């Protein structure tokens, strides 16, 4: 009789996606583009399929992650701020 083998448990490291789902057309083509200039940081959310675009800049978006900018983009779309 042989010995029992130990089960190998591998950890899966999840990362945030680079492309997000567009609220208008439903395709996974929304990218968050970060720009830095003398005024600070600004972010632009752009859909590559339908061309939906919104720019975020100012004090409230200085230390945001791309997923936070995407959530602000979707919220603004459903509020009716962008069409």
N, C-alpha and C. Protein backbone atom coordinates (compact mmCIF):
# COMPACT_ATOMS: atom_id res chain seq x y z
N UNK A 1 0.83 -1.18 0.00
CA UNK A 1 0.00 0.00 0.00
C UNK A 1 0.87 1.23 0.00
N UNK A 2 0.48 2.18 -0.79
CA UNK A 2 1.23 3.42 -0.88
C UNK A 2 0.65 4.48 0.03
N UNK A 3 1.34 5.56 0.09
CA UNK A 3 0.86 6.65 0.93
C UNK A 3 -0.12 7.52 0.15
N UNK A 4 -0.94 8.25 0.87
CA UNK A 4 -1.90 9.14 0.23
C UNK A 4 -1.19 10.41 -0.23
N UNK A 5 -1.55 10.86 -1.39
CA UNK A 5 -0.96 12.09 -1.91
C UNK A 5 -1.71 13.29 -1.35
N UNK A 6 -0.98 14.33 -1.07
CA UNK A 6 -1.63 15.56 -0.61
C UNK A 6 -2.21 16.30 -1.80
N UNK A 7 -3.32 16.90 -1.56
CA UNK A 7 -3.98 17.67 -2.60
C UNK A 7 -3.30 19.03 -2.71
N UNK A 8 -2.98 19.46 -3.93
CA UNK A 8 -2.33 20.75 -4.15
C UNK A 8 -3.42 21.80 -4.35
N UNK A 9 -3.40 22.82 -3.52
CA UNK A 9 -4.37 23.91 -3.61
C UNK A 9 -3.65 25.11 -4.22
N UNK A 10 -4.13 25.54 -5.37
CA UNK A 10 -3.51 26.67 -6.05
C UNK A 10 -4.40 27.90 -5.87
N UNK A 11 -3.77 29.01 -5.56
CA UNK A 11 -4.52 30.26 -5.42
C UNK A 11 -4.67 30.92 -6.78
N UNK A 12 -5.84 31.43 -7.03
CA UNK A 12 -6.11 32.15 -8.25
C UNK A 12 -6.08 33.64 -7.92
N UNK A 13 -5.21 34.36 -8.57
CA UNK A 13 -5.08 35.80 -8.34
C UNK A 13 -5.92 36.53 -9.38
N UNK A 14 -6.98 37.18 -8.93
CA UNK A 14 -7.86 37.91 -9.82
C UNK A 14 -7.35 39.34 -9.99
N UNK A 15 -7.45 39.85 -11.20
CA UNK A 15 -7.08 41.22 -11.49
C UNK A 15 -8.29 41.96 -12.05
N UNK A 16 -8.25 43.26 -11.98
CA UNK A 16 -9.33 44.06 -12.54
C UNK A 16 -9.23 44.05 -14.06
N UNK A 17 -10.36 44.09 -14.75
CA UNK A 17 -10.31 44.06 -16.22
C UNK A 17 -9.82 45.39 -16.79
N UNK A 18 -9.28 45.33 -18.01
CA UNK A 18 -8.86 46.54 -18.70
C UNK A 18 -10.02 47.15 -19.48
N UNK A 19 -10.96 46.34 -19.91
CA UNK A 19 -12.12 46.80 -20.66
C UNK A 19 -13.38 46.49 -19.85
N UNK A 20 -14.32 47.45 -19.89
CA UNK A 20 -15.55 47.32 -19.13
C UNK A 20 -16.74 47.31 -20.08
N UNK A 21 -17.92 46.96 -19.58
CA UNK A 21 -19.13 46.87 -20.38
C UNK A 21 -19.76 48.25 -20.55
N UNK A 22 -20.11 48.56 -21.79
CA UNK A 22 -20.74 49.85 -22.10
C UNK A 22 -22.20 49.82 -21.69
N UNK A 23 -22.70 50.87 -21.00
CA UNK A 23 -24.12 50.87 -20.62
C UNK A 23 -25.06 51.13 -21.80
N UNK A 24 -24.57 51.72 -22.88
CA UNK A 24 -25.42 52.01 -24.03
C UNK A 24 -25.53 50.82 -24.99
N UNK A 25 -24.39 50.30 -25.46
CA UNK A 25 -24.43 49.25 -26.48
C UNK A 25 -24.22 47.84 -25.92
N UNK A 26 -23.70 47.70 -24.70
CA UNK A 26 -23.55 46.39 -24.08
C UNK A 26 -22.28 45.64 -24.43
N UNK A 27 -21.40 46.22 -25.23
CA UNK A 27 -20.16 45.52 -25.59
C UNK A 27 -19.07 45.83 -24.56
N UNK A 28 -18.07 44.96 -24.49
CA UNK A 28 -16.97 45.12 -23.53
C UNK A 28 -15.85 45.96 -24.13
N UNK A 29 -16.12 47.23 -24.42
CA UNK A 29 -15.14 48.06 -25.10
C UNK A 29 -14.90 49.40 -24.42
N UNK A 30 -15.31 49.57 -23.18
CA UNK A 30 -15.08 50.85 -22.48
C UNK A 30 -13.71 50.81 -21.84
N UNK A 31 -12.87 51.79 -22.18
CA UNK A 31 -11.55 51.93 -21.58
C UNK A 31 -11.50 53.21 -20.76
N UNK A 32 -10.68 53.18 -19.73
CA UNK A 32 -10.45 54.36 -18.90
C UNK A 32 -9.06 54.87 -19.23
N UNK A 33 -8.98 56.11 -19.71
CA UNK A 33 -7.71 56.71 -20.11
C UNK A 33 -7.36 57.77 -19.07
N UNK A 34 -6.14 57.68 -18.52
CA UNK A 34 -5.69 58.60 -17.49
C UNK A 34 -4.72 59.61 -18.11
N UNK A 35 -4.95 60.89 -17.84
CA UNK A 35 -4.08 61.95 -18.33
C UNK A 35 -3.58 62.76 -17.14
N UNK A 36 -2.31 63.10 -17.17
CA UNK A 36 -1.75 63.97 -16.13
C UNK A 36 -1.18 65.22 -16.79
N UNK A 37 -1.52 66.36 -16.25
CA UNK A 37 -0.97 67.63 -16.72
C UNK A 37 -0.71 68.53 -15.53
N UNK A 38 -0.46 69.80 -15.80
CA UNK A 38 -0.12 70.71 -14.70
C UNK A 38 -1.30 70.99 -13.79
N UNK A 39 -2.52 70.77 -14.26
CA UNK A 39 -3.72 71.00 -13.44
C UNK A 39 -4.06 69.81 -12.57
N UNK A 40 -3.43 68.66 -12.80
CA UNK A 40 -3.73 67.46 -12.03
C UNK A 40 -4.09 66.31 -12.95
N UNK A 41 -4.78 65.36 -12.40
CA UNK A 41 -5.18 64.18 -13.17
C UNK A 41 -6.57 64.36 -13.73
N UNK A 42 -6.77 63.80 -14.91
CA UNK A 42 -8.10 63.74 -15.48
C UNK A 42 -8.26 62.36 -16.12
N UNK A 43 -9.47 61.85 -16.10
CA UNK A 43 -9.77 60.54 -16.64
C UNK A 43 -10.84 60.67 -17.70
N UNK A 44 -10.75 59.83 -18.73
CA UNK A 44 -11.76 59.81 -19.78
C UNK A 44 -12.23 58.37 -19.95
N UNK A 45 -13.53 58.17 -19.92
CA UNK A 45 -14.13 56.87 -20.19
C UNK A 45 -14.67 56.90 -21.61
N UNK A 46 -14.19 55.97 -22.47
CA UNK A 46 -14.54 55.97 -23.88
C UNK A 46 -14.96 54.57 -24.30
N UNK A 47 -16.08 54.48 -25.01
CA UNK A 47 -16.51 53.21 -25.60
C UNK A 47 -15.97 53.15 -27.03
N UNK A 48 -15.29 52.08 -27.36
CA UNK A 48 -14.73 51.93 -28.69
C UNK A 48 -15.76 51.52 -29.73
N UNK A 49 -16.90 51.02 -29.31
CA UNK A 49 -17.93 50.55 -30.24
C UNK A 49 -18.87 51.67 -30.65
N UNK A 50 -19.51 52.32 -29.68
CA UNK A 50 -20.54 53.32 -30.01
C UNK A 50 -20.05 54.76 -29.85
N UNK A 51 -18.87 54.97 -29.26
CA UNK A 51 -18.32 56.32 -29.15
C UNK A 51 -18.79 57.10 -27.94
N UNK A 52 -19.46 56.46 -27.00
CA UNK A 52 -19.89 57.14 -25.78
C UNK A 52 -18.67 57.59 -25.00
N UNK A 53 -18.65 58.85 -24.56
CA UNK A 53 -17.45 59.41 -23.94
C UNK A 53 -17.84 60.37 -22.83
N UNK A 54 -17.03 60.36 -21.75
CA UNK A 54 -17.21 61.33 -20.68
C UNK A 54 -15.87 61.56 -20.02
N UNK A 55 -15.59 62.82 -19.68
CA UNK A 55 -14.32 63.17 -19.04
C UNK A 55 -14.58 63.56 -17.60
N UNK A 56 -13.70 63.08 -16.72
CA UNK A 56 -13.77 63.38 -15.29
C UNK A 56 -12.49 64.08 -14.89
N UNK A 57 -12.62 65.23 -14.24
CA UNK A 57 -11.45 65.95 -13.74
C UNK A 57 -11.87 66.75 -12.53
N UNK A 58 -10.89 67.21 -11.77
CA UNK A 58 -11.18 68.01 -10.59
C UNK A 58 -10.66 67.36 -9.33
N UNK A 59 -11.05 67.91 -8.20
CA UNK A 59 -10.56 67.44 -6.91
C UNK A 59 -11.10 66.07 -6.53
N UNK A 60 -12.31 65.72 -6.94
CA UNK A 60 -12.94 64.48 -6.52
C UNK A 60 -12.37 63.23 -7.16
N UNK A 61 -11.62 63.38 -8.25
CA UNK A 61 -11.13 62.20 -8.96
C UNK A 61 -9.61 62.08 -8.92
N UNK A 62 -8.97 62.72 -7.96
CA UNK A 62 -7.51 62.72 -7.93
C UNK A 62 -6.92 61.36 -7.63
N UNK A 63 -7.48 60.61 -6.71
CA UNK A 63 -6.90 59.34 -6.29
C UNK A 63 -7.87 58.18 -6.54
N UNK A 64 -8.37 58.07 -7.73
CA UNK A 64 -9.34 57.04 -8.04
C UNK A 64 -8.70 55.92 -8.85
N UNK A 65 -9.28 54.74 -8.72
CA UNK A 65 -8.89 53.58 -9.53
C UNK A 65 -9.78 53.57 -10.78
N UNK A 66 -9.38 52.85 -11.83
CA UNK A 66 -10.23 52.80 -13.04
C UNK A 66 -11.64 52.25 -12.79
N UNK A 67 -11.80 51.33 -11.86
CA UNK A 67 -13.13 50.79 -11.58
C UNK A 67 -14.02 51.86 -10.95
N UNK A 68 -13.45 52.76 -10.16
CA UNK A 68 -14.22 53.86 -9.58
C UNK A 68 -14.67 54.83 -10.66
N UNK A 69 -13.81 55.12 -11.62
CA UNK A 69 -14.16 56.02 -12.72
C UNK A 69 -15.25 55.38 -13.58
N UNK A 70 -15.15 54.07 -13.81
CA UNK A 70 -16.18 53.36 -14.58
C UNK A 70 -17.53 53.43 -13.87
N UNK A 71 -17.54 53.27 -12.55
CA UNK A 71 -18.80 53.35 -11.80
C UNK A 71 -19.39 54.75 -11.88
N UNK A 72 -18.56 55.78 -11.82
CA UNK A 72 -19.05 57.15 -11.98
C UNK A 72 -19.63 57.36 -13.38
N UNK A 73 -18.99 56.76 -14.38
CA UNK A 73 -19.43 56.84 -15.78
C UNK A 73 -20.81 56.20 -15.95
N UNK A 74 -21.00 55.01 -15.40
CA UNK A 74 -22.28 54.31 -15.51
C UNK A 74 -23.37 55.06 -14.75
N UNK A 75 -23.03 55.57 -13.57
CA UNK A 75 -24.02 56.35 -12.80
C UNK A 75 -24.46 57.59 -13.56
N UNK A 76 -23.51 58.28 -14.19
CA UNK A 76 -23.84 59.48 -14.95
C UNK A 76 -24.70 59.13 -16.16
N UNK A 77 -24.45 57.99 -16.79
CA UNK A 77 -25.26 57.57 -17.94
C UNK A 77 -26.70 57.30 -17.53
N UNK A 78 -26.89 56.57 -16.43
CA UNK A 78 -28.24 56.23 -16.00
C UNK A 78 -28.98 57.42 -15.39
N UNK A 79 -28.25 58.43 -14.90
CA UNK A 79 -28.90 59.67 -14.44
C UNK A 79 -29.35 60.51 -15.61
N UNK A 80 -28.75 60.33 -16.79
CA UNK A 80 -29.10 61.10 -17.97
C UNK A 80 -28.16 62.25 -18.23
N UNK A 81 -27.00 62.27 -17.56
CA UNK A 81 -26.04 63.35 -17.78
C UNK A 81 -25.35 63.24 -19.12
N UNK A 82 -25.19 62.03 -19.64
CA UNK A 82 -24.60 61.83 -20.97
C UNK A 82 -25.55 61.00 -21.81
N UNK A 83 -25.48 61.18 -23.11
CA UNK A 83 -26.38 60.45 -24.02
C UNK A 83 -25.58 59.78 -25.10
